[in-house]
Amino acid sequence: MLCYVDNKKIRLNPYNMKYSKEISTVKGTTSDVYLINDKAYKLYRLPFLSEPINKETIQVMKTIKTKRIILPENAILNKKRIIIGTISPYIADLGRDNLLSLSKRQFISEIKFLQEDCISLGEESIGVRDLILSNFVFNNGIYFIDVGKFNILDNDPNIVISENIERFNTFFIHSFLIPMINKYSKNKSKTSSKIMDDFYRDLRRQVSIPQILEEDFQEETFEKYLIKKARLK
């Protein structure tokens, strides 16, 4: 398959490309991701009616420096110069269990990085729409990879920032924190309800999740914090 990257011709043959066990976790409903050297090549599945991501969005993202949300570096174009995929740095997933030994300082620092990335993207009016657990990896840091639903929005950047943070908060509480705490809880529904009440009460007061954790997380490791939260009455 003849493609173009940065106006240079390349040939991609998915049958000869490495579909690794780690990178297969980001296999979505609209694309497949392959590992070539140290880069993740995301190829959208046909047919698609319009470009899944446009050139303008990619050009803007090239100017944004994020620490934990991995952005596309280049577009893959077909012969008609239509975007059929993207190229991003590859981050191998070492597993969420490796988070358990993180100290309070380390864990909160990672959450701050993610929140700052949501803000940086929002400042350029880029909305983040794909913060899901299958795109969440740990490798000496907490990363979101293959967050494919980026859009430049017409909204005020402050509105986009607020929406990005709200989506991250929802992911953090519902998809990440509660399932991890419930591993240690005997009454999962009660624990889940308590966690949501505690966090959302503070979030309604415009307190960020890193600020909440600064007060709430007093244990030596993230695992000990999870155990404490699981035993709340």
C-alpha atoms as a PDB file:
ATOM      1  CA  MET A   1       0.000   0.000   0.000  1.00  0.00           C
ATOM      2  CA  LEU A   2       1.583   3.262  -1.165  1.00  0.00           C
ATOM      3  CA  CYS A   3       1.251   6.087   1.375  1.00  0.00           C
ATOM      4  CA  TYR A   4       2.675   9.517   2.052  1.00  0.00           C
ATOM      5  CA  VAL A   5       4.157  10.864   5.284  1.00  0.00           C
ATOM      6  CA  ASP A   6       5.575  14.396   5.244  1.00  0.00           C
ATOM      7  CA  ASN A   7       5.325  14.310   1.428  1.00  0.00           C
ATOM      8  CA  LYS A   8       7.570  11.250   1.313  1.00  0.00           C
ATOM      9  CA  LYS A   9       6.427   7.976  -0.206  1.00  0.00           C
ATOM     10  CA  ILE A  10       6.334   4.932   2.069  1.00  0.00           C
ATOM     11  CA  ARG A  11       4.913   1.470   1.595  1.00  0.00           C
ATOM     12  CA  LEU A  12       2.851  -0.147   4.326  1.00  0.00           C
ATOM     13  CA  ASN A  13       1.797  -3.761   4.276  1.00  0.00           C
ATOM     14  CA  PRO A  14      -0.286  -4.631   7.349  1.00  0.00           C
ATOM     15  CA  TYR A  15       0.420  -8.326   6.790  1.00  0.00           C
ATOM     16  CA  ASN A  16       4.110  -7.676   7.440  1.00  0.00           C
ATOM     17  CA  MET A  17       3.622  -5.140  10.239  1.00  0.00           C
ATOM     18  CA  LYS A  18       3.988  -6.119  13.876  1.00  0.00           C
ATOM     19  CA  TYR A  19       0.649  -6.353  15.655  1.00  0.00           C
ATOM     20  CA  SER A  20       2.056  -6.675  19.183  1.00  0.00           C
ATOM     21  CA  LYS A  21       0.190  -8.049  22.199  1.00  0.00           C
ATOM     22  CA  GLU A  22       0.670  -4.754  24.039  1.00  0.00           C
ATOM     23  CA  ILE A  23      -0.423  -2.507  21.237  1.00  0.00           C
ATOM     24  CA  SER A  24      -3.412  -4.703  20.407  1.00  0.00           C
ATOM     25  CA  THR A  25      -5.059  -3.420  23.598  1.00  0.00           C
ATOM     26  CA  VAL A  26      -5.711  -0.171  21.751  1.00  0.00           C
ATOM     27  CA  LYS A  27      -7.546  -1.934  18.932  1.00  0.00           C
ATOM     28  CA  GLY A  28     -10.708   0.050  18.468  1.00  0.00           C
ATOM     29  CA  THR A  29     -13.870  -0.218  16.432  1.00  0.00           C
ATOM     30  CA  THR A  30     -12.594   2.048  13.652  1.00  0.00           C
ATOM     31  CA  SER A  31      -8.856   1.358  13.408  1.00  0.00           C
ATOM     32  CA  ASP A  32      -5.931  -0.990  13.990  1.00  0.00           C
ATOM     33  CA  VAL A  33      -2.616   0.048  15.507  1.00  0.00           C
ATOM     34  CA  TYR A  34       0.710  -1.472  14.478  1.00  0.00           C
ATOM     35  CA  LEU A  35       4.205  -1.144  15.899  1.00  0.00           C
ATOM     36  CA  ILE A  36       6.955  -0.099  13.478  1.00  0.00           C
ATOM     37  CA  ASN A  37      10.297   0.506  15.182  1.00  0.00           C
ATOM     38  CA  ASP A  38       9.354   2.741  18.141  1.00  0.00           C
ATOM     39  CA  LYS A  39       6.272   4.296  16.560  1.00  0.00           C
ATOM     40  CA  ALA A  40       2.600   3.384  16.665  1.00  0.00           C
ATOM     41  CA  TYR A  41       0.976   3.425  13.225  1.00  0.00           C
ATOM     42  CA  LYS A  42      -2.784   3.808  13.479  1.00  0.00           C
ATOM     43  CA  LEU A  43      -4.620   2.827  10.285  1.00  0.00           C
ATOM     44  CA  TYR A  44      -8.323   3.572  10.005  1.00  0.00           C
ATOM     45  CA  ARG A  45     -10.522   0.845   8.623  1.00  0.00           C
ATOM     46  CA  LEU A  46     -12.407   1.410   5.399  1.00  0.00           C
ATOM     47  CA  PRO A  47     -14.875   2.635   4.531  1.00  0.00           C
ATOM     48  CA  PHE A  48     -14.985   6.075   6.153  1.00  0.00           C
ATOM     49  CA  LEU A  49     -17.013   8.928   4.746  1.00  0.00           C
ATOM     50  CA  SER A  50     -14.637  11.708   5.763  1.00  0.00           C
ATOM     51  CA  GLU A  51     -11.156  12.034   7.217  1.00  0.00           C
ATOM     52  CA  PRO A  52     -11.254  10.778  10.836  1.00  0.00           C
ATOM     53  CA  ILE A  53      -8.883  13.589  11.772  1.00  0.00           C
ATOM     54  CA  ASN A  54      -8.033  16.599   9.637  1.00  0.00           C
ATOM     55  CA  LYS A  55      -4.662  18.057   8.686  1.00  0.00           C
ATOM     56  CA  GLU A  56      -5.360  21.299  10.538  1.00  0.00           C
ATOM     57  CA  THR A  57      -5.817  19.475  13.833  1.00  0.00           C
ATOM     58  CA  ILE A  58      -2.587  17.519  13.381  1.00  0.00           C
ATOM     59  CA  GLN A  59      -0.638  20.677  12.503  1.00  0.00           C
ATOM     60  CA  VAL A  60      -1.910  22.396  15.656  1.00  0.00           C
ATOM     61  CA  MET A  61      -1.088  19.368  17.801  1.00  0.00           C
ATOM     62  CA  LYS A  62       2.474  19.338  16.491  1.00  0.00           C
ATOM     63  CA  THR A  63       2.990  22.667  18.283  1.00  0.00           C
ATOM     64  CA  ILE A  64       1.606  21.447  21.642  1.00  0.00           C
ATOM     65  CA  LYS A  65       3.977  19.914  24.164  1.00  0.00           C
ATOM     66  CA  THR A  66       2.136  17.337  26.260  1.00  0.00           C
ATOM     67  CA  LYS A  67       3.660  15.167  28.955  1.00  0.00           C
ATOM     68  CA  ARG A  68       1.171  12.318  29.325  1.00  0.00           C
ATOM     69  CA  ILE A  69      -1.422  12.504  26.540  1.00  0.00           C
ATOM     70  CA  ILE A  70       0.264  11.088  23.454  1.00  0.00           C
ATOM     71  CA  LEU A  71      -0.545  13.105  20.330  1.00  0.00           C
ATOM     72  CA  PRO A  72      -0.210  12.178  16.647  1.00  0.00           C
ATOM     73  CA  GLU A  73       3.071  13.385  15.178  1.00  0.00           C
ATOM     74  CA  ASN A  74       2.213  12.868  11.522  1.00  0.00           C
ATOM     75  CA  ALA A  75      -0.641  11.973   9.226  1.00  0.00           C
ATOM     76  CA  ILE A  76      -0.558   8.971   6.878  1.00  0.00           C
ATOM     77  CA  LEU A  77      -2.067   9.915   3.510  1.00  0.00           C
ATOM     78  CA  ASN A  78      -3.219   7.732   0.651  1.00  0.00           C
ATOM     79  CA  LYS A  79      -2.665   8.435  -3.074  1.00  0.00           C
ATOM     80  CA  LYS A  80      -5.528  10.933  -3.067  1.00  0.00           C
ATOM     81  CA  ARG A  81      -3.846  12.716  -0.106  1.00  0.00           C
ATOM     82  CA  ILE A  82      -6.702  11.752   2.230  1.00  0.00           C
ATOM     83  CA  ILE A  83      -5.746  10.940   5.812  1.00  0.00           C
ATOM     84  CA  ILE A  84      -6.007   7.199   6.402  1.00  0.00           C
ATOM     85  CA  GLY A  85      -4.001   7.040   9.625  1.00  0.00           C
ATOM     86  CA  THR A  86      -1.611   8.697  12.042  1.00  0.00           C
ATOM     87  CA  ILE A  87       1.821   8.086  13.567  1.00  0.00           C
ATOM     88  CA  SER A  88       2.466   8.509  17.291  1.00  0.00           C
ATOM     89  CA  PRO A  89       5.175   7.610  19.822  1.00  0.00           C
ATOM     90  CA  TYR A  90       4.743   4.084  21.176  1.00  0.00           C
ATOM     91  CA  ILE A  91       4.424   3.606  24.949  1.00  0.00           C
ATOM     92  CA  ALA A  92       4.522  -0.016  26.132  1.00  0.00           C
ATOM     93  CA  ASP A  93       2.019  -0.832  28.885  1.00  0.00           C
ATOM     94  CA  LEU A  94       3.611  -2.316  32.013  1.00  0.00           C
ATOM     95  CA  GLY A  95       0.228  -2.759  33.712  1.00  0.00           C
ATOM     96  CA  ARG A  96      -1.857  -0.802  36.205  1.00  0.00           C
ATOM     97  CA  ASP A  97      -0.633  -2.954  39.102  1.00  0.00           C
ATOM     98  CA  ASN A  98       2.691  -1.111  38.851  1.00  0.00           C
ATOM     99  CA  LEU A  99       0.872   1.996  40.057  1.00  0.00           C
ATOM    100  CA  LEU A 100       0.310   0.444  43.469  1.00  0.00           C
ATOM    101  CA  SER A 101       3.831   1.153  44.714  1.00  0.00           C
ATOM    102  CA  LEU A 102       3.758   4.847  43.754  1.00  0.00           C
ATOM    103  CA  SER A 103       4.134   7.300  46.614  1.00  0.00           C
ATOM    104  CA  LYS A 104       1.662  10.117  47.223  1.00  0.00           C
ATOM    105  CA  ARG A 105       4.029  12.603  45.593  1.00  0.00           C
ATOM    106  CA  GLN A 106       4.574  10.428  42.521  1.00  0.00           C
ATOM    107  CA  PHE A 107       0.906   9.599  42.004  1.00  0.00           C
ATOM    108  CA  ILE A 108      -0.378  13.161  42.412  1.00  0.00           C
ATOM    109  CA  SER A 109       2.378  14.406  40.108  1.00  0.00           C
ATOM    110  CA  GLU A 110       1.129  12.051  37.373  1.00  0.00           C
ATOM    111  CA  ILE A 111      -2.473  13.207  37.816  1.00  0.00           C
ATOM    112  CA  LYS A 112      -1.299  16.830  37.574  1.00  0.00           C
ATOM    113  CA  PHE A 113       0.502  16.088  34.309  1.00  0.00           C
ATOM    114  CA  LEU A 114      -2.674  14.625  32.812  1.00  0.00           C
ATOM    115  CA  GLN A 115      -4.773  17.571  33.971  1.00  0.00           C
ATOM    116  CA  GLU A 116      -2.216  20.045  32.606  1.00  0.00           C
ATOM    117  CA  ASP A 117      -2.326  18.256  29.234  1.00  0.00           C
ATOM    118  CA  CYS A 118      -6.122  18.590  29.167  1.00  0.00           C
ATOM    119  CA  ILE A 119      -5.662  22.315  29.799  1.00  0.00           C
ATOM    120  CA  SER A 120      -2.936  22.697  27.144  1.00  0.00           C
ATOM    121  CA  LEU A 121      -5.141  21.071  24.515  1.00  0.00           C
ATOM    122  CA  GLY A 122      -8.132  23.151  25.593  1.00  0.00           C
ATOM    123  CA  GLU A 123      -6.125  26.355  25.237  1.00  0.00           C
ATOM    124  CA  GLU A 124      -5.850  25.525  21.529  1.00  0.00           C
ATOM    125  CA  SER A 125      -9.599  24.733  21.444  1.00  0.00           C
ATOM    126  CA  ILE A 126      -8.864  21.026  21.007  1.00  0.00           C
ATOM    127  CA  GLY A 127     -11.439  18.810  22.683  1.00  0.00           C
ATOM    128  CA  VAL A 128     -10.439  15.405  24.032  1.00  0.00           C
ATOM    129  CA  ARG A 129     -13.178  12.813  23.568  1.00  0.00           C
ATOM    130  CA  ASP A 130     -11.577   9.408  24.043  1.00  0.00           C
ATOM    131  CA  LEU A 131     -10.301   9.136  27.620  1.00  0.00           C
ATOM    132  CA  ILE A 132     -11.120   5.484  28.245  1.00  0.00           C
ATOM    133  CA  LEU A 133      -9.476   2.688  30.195  1.00  0.00           C
ATOM    134  CA  SER A 134      -8.248   0.788  27.131  1.00  0.00           C
ATOM    135  CA  ASN A 135      -6.220   3.898  26.208  1.00  0.00           C
ATOM    136  CA  PHE A 136      -4.722   4.201  29.698  1.00  0.00           C
ATOM    137  CA  VAL A 137      -1.220   2.753  30.201  1.00  0.00           C
ATOM    138  CA  PHE A 138       1.516   2.880  32.823  1.00  0.00           C
ATOM    139  CA  ASN A 139       5.209   2.962  31.979  1.00  0.00           C
ATOM    140  CA  ASN A 140       7.114   4.935  34.629  1.00  0.00           C
ATOM    141  CA  GLY A 141       4.295   7.417  34.217  1.00  0.00           C
ATOM    142  CA  ILE A 142       0.564   7.439  33.530  1.00  0.00           C
ATOM    143  CA  TYR A 143      -0.250   7.941  29.851  1.00  0.00           C
ATOM    144  CA  PHE A 144      -3.220   8.153  27.540  1.00  0.00           C
ATOM    145  CA  ILE A 145      -2.351   6.647  24.168  1.00  0.00           C
ATOM    146  CA  ASP A 146      -4.381   6.510  20.979  1.00  0.00           C
ATOM    147  CA  VAL A 147      -6.815   9.176  22.153  1.00  0.00           C
ATOM    148  CA  GLY A 148      -8.136   9.393  18.636  1.00  0.00           C
ATOM    149  CA  LYS A 149     -11.123  11.712  18.916  1.00  0.00           C
ATOM    150  CA  PHE A 150      -9.432  15.103  18.777  1.00  0.00           C
ATOM    151  CA  ASN A 151     -11.381  18.030  17.350  1.00  0.00           C
ATOM    152  CA  ILE A 152     -10.678  21.733  16.983  1.00  0.00           C
ATOM    153  CA  LEU A 153     -13.842  23.311  18.347  1.00  0.00           C
ATOM    154  CA  ASP A 154     -15.413  26.699  17.702  1.00  0.00           C
ATOM    155  CA  ASN A 155     -16.088  27.168  21.413  1.00  0.00           C
ATOM    156  CA  ASP A 156     -14.259  29.598  23.676  1.00  0.00           C
ATOM    157  CA  PRO A 157     -11.003  27.927  24.846  1.00  0.00           C
ATOM    158  CA  ASN A 158     -12.116  28.312  28.482  1.00  0.00           C
ATOM    159  CA  ILE A 159     -15.203  26.237  27.712  1.00  0.00           C
ATOM    160  CA  VAL A 160     -13.107  23.570  25.980  1.00  0.00           C
ATOM    161  CA  ILE A 161     -10.686  23.474  28.939  1.00  0.00           C
ATOM    162  CA  SER A 162     -13.603  23.009  31.323  1.00  0.00           C
ATOM    163  CA  GLU A 163     -15.058  20.211  29.184  1.00  0.00           C
ATOM    164  CA  ASN A 164     -11.679  18.451  28.898  1.00  0.00           C
ATOM    165  CA  ILE A 165     -11.142  18.545  32.656  1.00  0.00           C
ATOM    166  CA  GLU A 166     -14.688  17.341  33.287  1.00  0.00           C
ATOM    167  CA  ARG A 167     -14.113  14.355  31.010  1.00  0.00           C
ATOM    168  CA  PHE A 168     -10.828  13.573  32.735  1.00  0.00           C
ATOM    169  CA  ASN A 169     -12.482  13.840  36.170  1.00  0.00           C
ATOM    170  CA  THR A 170     -15.247  11.471  35.089  1.00  0.00           C
ATOM    171  CA  PHE A 171     -12.718   8.976  33.766  1.00  0.00           C
ATOM    172  CA  PHE A 172     -10.575   9.209  36.895  1.00  0.00           C
ATOM    173  CA  ILE A 173     -13.435   8.623  39.326  1.00  0.00           C
ATOM    174  CA  HIS A 174     -15.659   6.153  37.476  1.00  0.00           C
ATOM    175  CA  SER A 175     -13.357   4.186  35.182  1.00  0.00           C
ATOM    176  CA  PHE A 176     -10.120   4.206  37.164  1.00  0.00           C
ATOM    177  CA  LEU A 177     -10.348   4.988  40.888  1.00  0.00           C
ATOM    178  CA  ILE A 178     -13.562   3.157  41.813  1.00  0.00           C
ATOM    179  CA  PRO A 179     -12.625  -0.129  40.058  1.00  0.00           C
ATOM    180  CA  MET A 180      -9.183  -0.093  41.711  1.00  0.00           C
ATOM    181  CA  ILE A 181     -10.637   0.616  45.167  1.00  0.00           C
ATOM    182  CA  ASN A 182     -13.305  -2.047  44.711  1.00  0.00           C
ATOM    183  CA  LYS A 183     -10.605  -4.700  44.452  1.00  0.00           C
ATOM    184  CA  TYR A 184     -10.133  -4.199  48.185  1.00  0.00           C
ATOM    185  CA  SER A 185     -13.760  -3.607  49.146  1.00  0.00           C
ATOM    186  CA  LYS A 186     -16.255  -6.136  50.542  1.00  0.00           C
ATOM    187  CA  ASN A 187     -19.263  -3.935  49.716  1.00  0.00           C
ATOM    188  CA  LYS A 188     -18.483  -2.607  46.266  1.00  0.00           C
ATOM    189  CA  SER A 189     -21.718  -0.694  45.664  1.00  0.00           C
ATOM    190  CA  LYS A 190     -21.471   1.072  49.036  1.00  0.00           C
ATOM    191  CA  THR A 191     -17.808   1.951  48.467  1.00  0.00           C
ATOM    192  CA  SER A 192     -18.523   3.252  44.961  1.00  0.00           C
ATOM    193  CA  SER A 193     -21.339   5.458  46.226  1.00  0.00           C
ATOM    194  CA  LYS A 194     -19.164   6.843  49.030  1.00  0.00           C
ATOM    195  CA  ILE A 195     -16.254   7.640  46.688  1.00  0.00           C
ATOM    196  CA  MET A 196     -18.526   9.433  44.219  1.00  0.00           C
ATOM    197  CA  ASP A 197     -20.167  11.466  46.991  1.00  0.00           C
ATOM    198  CA  ASP A 198     -16.805  12.507  48.474  1.00  0.00           C
ATOM    199  CA  PHE A 199     -15.158  13.458  45.206  1.00  0.00           C
ATOM    200  CA  TYR A 200     -18.125  15.135  43.565  1.00  0.00           C
ATOM    201  CA  ARG A 201     -18.829  17.216  46.659  1.00  0.00           C
ATOM    202  CA  ASP A 202     -15.358  18.738  46.359  1.00  0.00           C
ATOM    203  CA  LEU A 203     -15.512  19.012  42.563  1.00  0.00           C
ATOM    204  CA  ARG A 204     -18.742  20.995  42.856  1.00  0.00           C
ATOM    205  CA  ARG A 205     -16.731  23.442  44.951  1.00  0.00           C
ATOM    206  CA  GLN A 206     -14.318  23.783  41.994  1.00  0.00           C
ATOM    207  CA  VAL A 207     -11.580  21.845  43.759  1.00  0.00           C
ATOM    208  CA  SER A 208      -9.399  19.919  41.312  1.00  0.00           C
ATOM    209  CA  ILE A 209      -8.669  16.226  41.721  1.00  0.00           C
ATOM    210  CA  PRO A 210      -4.962  16.842  42.518  1.00  0.00           C
ATOM    211  CA  GLN A 211      -6.063  19.206  45.296  1.00  0.00           C
ATOM    212  CA  ILE A 212      -8.507  16.633  46.639  1.00  0.00           C
ATOM    213  CA  LEU A 213      -5.769  14.005  46.671  1.00  0.00           C
ATOM    214  CA  GLU A 214      -3.341  16.340  48.449  1.00  0.00           C
ATOM    215  CA  GLU A 215      -5.705  16.348  51.439  1.00  0.00           C
ATOM    216  CA  ASP A 216      -7.173  12.868  51.141  1.00  0.00           C
ATOM    217  CA  PHE A 217      -4.085  10.801  50.263  1.00  0.00           C
ATOM    218  CA  GLN A 218      -1.904  10.545  53.392  1.00  0.00           C
ATOM    219  CA  GLU A 219      -0.644   6.968  53.052  1.00  0.00           C
ATOM    220  CA  GLU A 220       2.838   5.822  52.013  1.00  0.00           C
ATOM    221  CA  THR A 221       1.773   4.213  48.750  1.00  0.00           C
ATOM    222  CA  PHE A 222      -1.136   4.327  46.338  1.00  0.00           C
ATOM    223  CA  GLU A 223      -2.078   0.769  47.305  1.00  0.00           C
ATOM    224  CA  LYS A 224      -2.379   1.719  50.984  1.00  0.00           C
ATOM    225  CA  TYR A 225      -4.537   4.672  49.975  1.00  0.00           C
ATOM    226  CA  LEU A 226      -6.834   2.338  48.008  1.00  0.00           C
ATOM    227  CA  ILE A 227      -7.125   0.025  51.002  1.00  0.00           C
ATOM    228  CA  LYS A 228      -8.058   2.923  53.263  1.00  0.00           C
ATOM    229  CA  LYS A 229     -10.721   4.156  50.851  1.00  0.00           C
ATOM    230  CA  ALA A 230     -12.130   0.643  50.515  1.00  0.00           C
ATOM    231  CA  ARG A 231     -12.695   0.468  54.277  1.00  0.00           C
ATOM    232  CA  LEU A 232     -14.552   3.776  54.594  1.00  0.00           C
ATOM    233  CA  LYS A 233     -17.847   3.482  56.451  1.00  0.00           C
END
